[in-house]
Amino acid sequence: MLKATILIKKNIDISRFPKLIAFIKRQNDGYKPKKSKLLTREEMDRFLKEAPNDKYLLSK
């Protein structure tokens, strides 16, 4: 994805730079993306019932 983004935005093919590819792969070691928090069914129901309409009507 990074390679495609750089190619589109800057028109640079980074596959010609093997040291750069190796550096990027080393930087990625140990990376764990955060999981997004999800609302439970009860939290959703409570939001729909208790949230003020004047502020959250478009979200409901």
N, C-alpha and C. Protein backbone atom coordinates (compact mmCIF):
# COMPACT_ATOMS: atom_id res chain seq x y z
N MET A 1 0.82 -1.19 0.00
CA MET A 1 0.00 0.00 0.00
C MET A 1 0.87 1.26 0.00
N LEU A 2 1.93 1.24 0.77
CA LEU A 2 2.82 2.40 0.81
C LEU A 2 3.48 2.62 -0.55
N LYS A 3 3.89 1.52 -1.18
CA LYS A 3 4.54 1.62 -2.48
C LYS A 3 3.59 2.25 -3.50
N ALA A 4 2.34 1.82 -3.50
CA ALA A 4 1.36 2.36 -4.44
C ALA A 4 1.06 3.83 -4.15
N THR A 5 0.99 4.19 -2.88
CA THR A 5 0.70 5.58 -2.52
C THR A 5 1.82 6.50 -2.98
N ILE A 6 3.06 6.11 -2.74
CA ILE A 6 4.19 6.94 -3.16
C ILE A 6 4.26 7.03 -4.68
N LEU A 7 3.95 5.93 -5.35
CA LEU A 7 3.97 5.94 -6.81
C LEU A 7 2.92 6.90 -7.36
N ILE A 8 1.73 6.89 -6.77
CA ILE A 8 0.65 7.76 -7.27
C ILE A 8 0.91 9.22 -6.92
N LYS A 9 1.25 9.49 -5.66
CA LYS A 9 1.38 10.88 -5.19
C LYS A 9 2.65 11.56 -5.71
N LYS A 10 3.78 10.86 -5.66
CA LYS A 10 5.07 11.49 -6.00
C LYS A 10 5.67 10.97 -7.30
N ASN A 11 5.03 9.97 -7.90
CA ASN A 11 5.51 9.35 -9.14
C ASN A 11 6.94 8.82 -8.98
N ILE A 12 7.18 8.16 -7.84
CA ILE A 12 8.48 7.56 -7.56
C ILE A 12 8.28 6.06 -7.32
N ASP A 13 9.01 5.25 -8.06
CA ASP A 13 8.93 3.80 -7.90
C ASP A 13 9.96 3.37 -6.86
N ILE A 14 9.52 3.08 -5.63
CA ILE A 14 10.47 2.76 -4.56
C ILE A 14 11.03 1.35 -4.68
N SER A 15 10.54 0.55 -5.63
CA SER A 15 11.11 -0.79 -5.80
C SER A 15 12.55 -0.71 -6.33
N ARG A 16 12.95 0.45 -6.82
CA ARG A 16 14.33 0.64 -7.29
C ARG A 16 15.28 0.94 -6.14
N PHE A 17 14.76 1.04 -4.91
CA PHE A 17 15.57 1.37 -3.75
C PHE A 17 15.49 0.24 -2.72
N PRO A 18 16.30 -0.81 -2.89
CA PRO A 18 16.20 -1.97 -1.99
C PRO A 18 16.54 -1.65 -0.53
N LYS A 19 17.44 -0.70 -0.30
CA LYS A 19 17.77 -0.33 1.08
C LYS A 19 16.58 0.34 1.77
N LEU A 20 15.84 1.13 1.02
CA LEU A 20 14.64 1.77 1.57
C LEU A 20 13.59 0.73 1.93
N ILE A 21 13.39 -0.25 1.06
CA ILE A 21 12.41 -1.31 1.33
C ILE A 21 12.81 -2.08 2.59
N ALA A 22 14.11 -2.40 2.72
CA ALA A 22 14.58 -3.13 3.90
C ALA A 22 14.38 -2.29 5.15
N PHE A 23 14.63 -0.99 5.08
CA PHE A 23 14.44 -0.10 6.22
C PHE A 23 12.97 -0.06 6.64
N ILE A 24 12.08 0.06 5.70
CA ILE A 24 10.64 0.11 6.00
C ILE A 24 10.19 -1.20 6.65
N LYS A 25 10.68 -2.32 6.16
CA LYS A 25 10.32 -3.61 6.74
C LYS A 25 10.83 -3.74 8.17
N ARG A 26 12.04 -3.24 8.44
CA ARG A 26 12.59 -3.27 9.80
C ARG A 26 11.76 -2.40 10.74
N GLN A 27 11.29 -1.28 10.27
CA GLN A 27 10.48 -0.38 11.10
C GLN A 27 9.13 -1.00 11.43
N ASN A 28 8.66 -1.90 10.60
CA ASN A 28 7.35 -2.52 10.78
C ASN A 28 7.38 -3.66 11.80
N ASP A 29 8.54 -4.17 12.17
CA ASP A 29 8.63 -5.29 13.11
C ASP A 29 8.00 -4.92 14.44
N GLY A 30 7.14 -5.77 14.94
CA GLY A 30 6.51 -5.56 16.25
C GLY A 30 5.31 -4.64 16.22
N TYR A 31 4.95 -4.11 15.08
CA TYR A 31 3.80 -3.20 15.00
C TYR A 31 2.51 -3.99 15.16
N LYS A 32 1.66 -3.55 16.07
CA LYS A 32 0.36 -4.17 16.26
C LYS A 32 -0.70 -3.07 16.21
N PRO A 33 -1.58 -3.11 15.23
CA PRO A 33 -2.59 -2.05 15.13
C PRO A 33 -3.56 -2.11 16.29
N LYS A 34 -4.06 -0.95 16.67
CA LYS A 34 -5.04 -0.88 17.76
C LYS A 34 -6.39 -1.38 17.26
N LYS A 35 -7.08 -2.08 18.12
CA LYS A 35 -8.44 -2.48 17.79
C LYS A 35 -9.37 -1.36 18.21
N SER A 36 -10.30 -1.05 17.35
CA SER A 36 -11.25 0.00 17.69
C SER A 36 -12.27 -0.54 18.69
N LYS A 37 -12.72 0.35 19.54
CA LYS A 37 -13.71 -0.04 20.54
C LYS A 37 -15.09 -0.06 19.90
N LEU A 38 -15.87 -1.07 20.25
CA LEU A 38 -17.21 -1.21 19.70
C LEU A 38 -18.24 -1.00 20.80
N LEU A 39 -19.37 -0.47 20.41
CA LEU A 39 -20.46 -0.30 21.36
C LEU A 39 -21.22 -1.61 21.50
N THR A 40 -21.65 -1.89 22.71
CA THR A 40 -22.48 -3.07 22.93
C THR A 40 -23.91 -2.74 22.55
N ARG A 41 -24.73 -3.74 22.46
CA ARG A 41 -26.14 -3.54 22.11
C ARG A 41 -26.82 -2.64 23.15
N GLU A 42 -26.49 -2.86 24.43
CA GLU A 42 -27.09 -2.06 25.50
C GLU A 42 -26.67 -0.60 25.40
N GLU A 43 -25.40 -0.37 25.07
CA GLU A 43 -24.92 1.01 24.93
C GLU A 43 -25.60 1.72 23.76
N MET A 44 -25.83 0.99 22.67
CA MET A 44 -26.53 1.58 21.53
C MET A 44 -27.96 1.93 21.88
N ASP A 45 -28.64 1.00 22.55
CA ASP A 45 -30.02 1.27 22.95
C ASP A 45 -30.10 2.46 23.89
N ARG A 46 -29.17 2.53 24.84
CA ARG A 46 -29.16 3.64 25.79
C ARG A 46 -28.92 4.97 25.07
N PHE A 47 -28.02 4.97 24.09
CA PHE A 47 -27.76 6.19 23.31
C PHE A 47 -29.01 6.64 22.58
N LEU A 48 -29.68 5.69 21.93
CA LEU A 48 -30.88 6.05 21.17
C LEU A 48 -31.98 6.60 22.06
N LYS A 49 -32.08 6.10 23.27
CA LYS A 49 -33.14 6.55 24.18
C LYS A 49 -32.78 7.84 24.91
N GLU A 50 -31.52 7.98 25.32
CA GLU A 50 -31.16 9.07 26.24
C GLU A 50 -30.46 10.26 25.59
N ALA A 51 -29.89 10.12 24.42
CA ALA A 51 -29.15 11.23 23.81
C ALA A 51 -30.13 12.32 23.39
N PRO A 52 -29.78 13.59 23.62
CA PRO A 52 -30.68 14.68 23.26
C PRO A 52 -30.83 14.80 21.74
N ASN A 53 -32.06 14.94 21.30
CA ASN A 53 -32.35 15.01 19.86
C ASN A 53 -31.77 16.26 19.21
N ASP A 54 -31.74 17.38 19.93
CA ASP A 54 -31.26 18.61 19.31
C ASP A 54 -29.78 18.51 18.93
N LYS A 55 -29.03 17.65 19.57
CA LYS A 55 -27.60 17.52 19.28
C LYS A 55 -27.28 16.30 18.41
N TYR A 56 -27.98 15.18 18.62
CA TYR A 56 -27.63 13.91 17.97
C TYR A 56 -28.71 13.37 17.03
N LEU A 57 -29.63 14.19 16.60
CA LEU A 57 -30.74 13.68 15.78
C LEU A 57 -30.24 13.07 14.47
N LEU A 58 -29.26 13.69 13.84
CA LEU A 58 -28.75 13.14 12.57
C LEU A 58 -28.04 11.80 12.76
N SER A 59 -27.48 11.58 13.95
CA SER A 59 -26.80 10.31 14.23
C SER A 59 -27.79 9.20 14.53
N LYS A 60 -28.95 9.58 15.04
CA LYS A 60 -29.94 8.57 15.40
C LYS A 60 -30.61 8.11 14.14
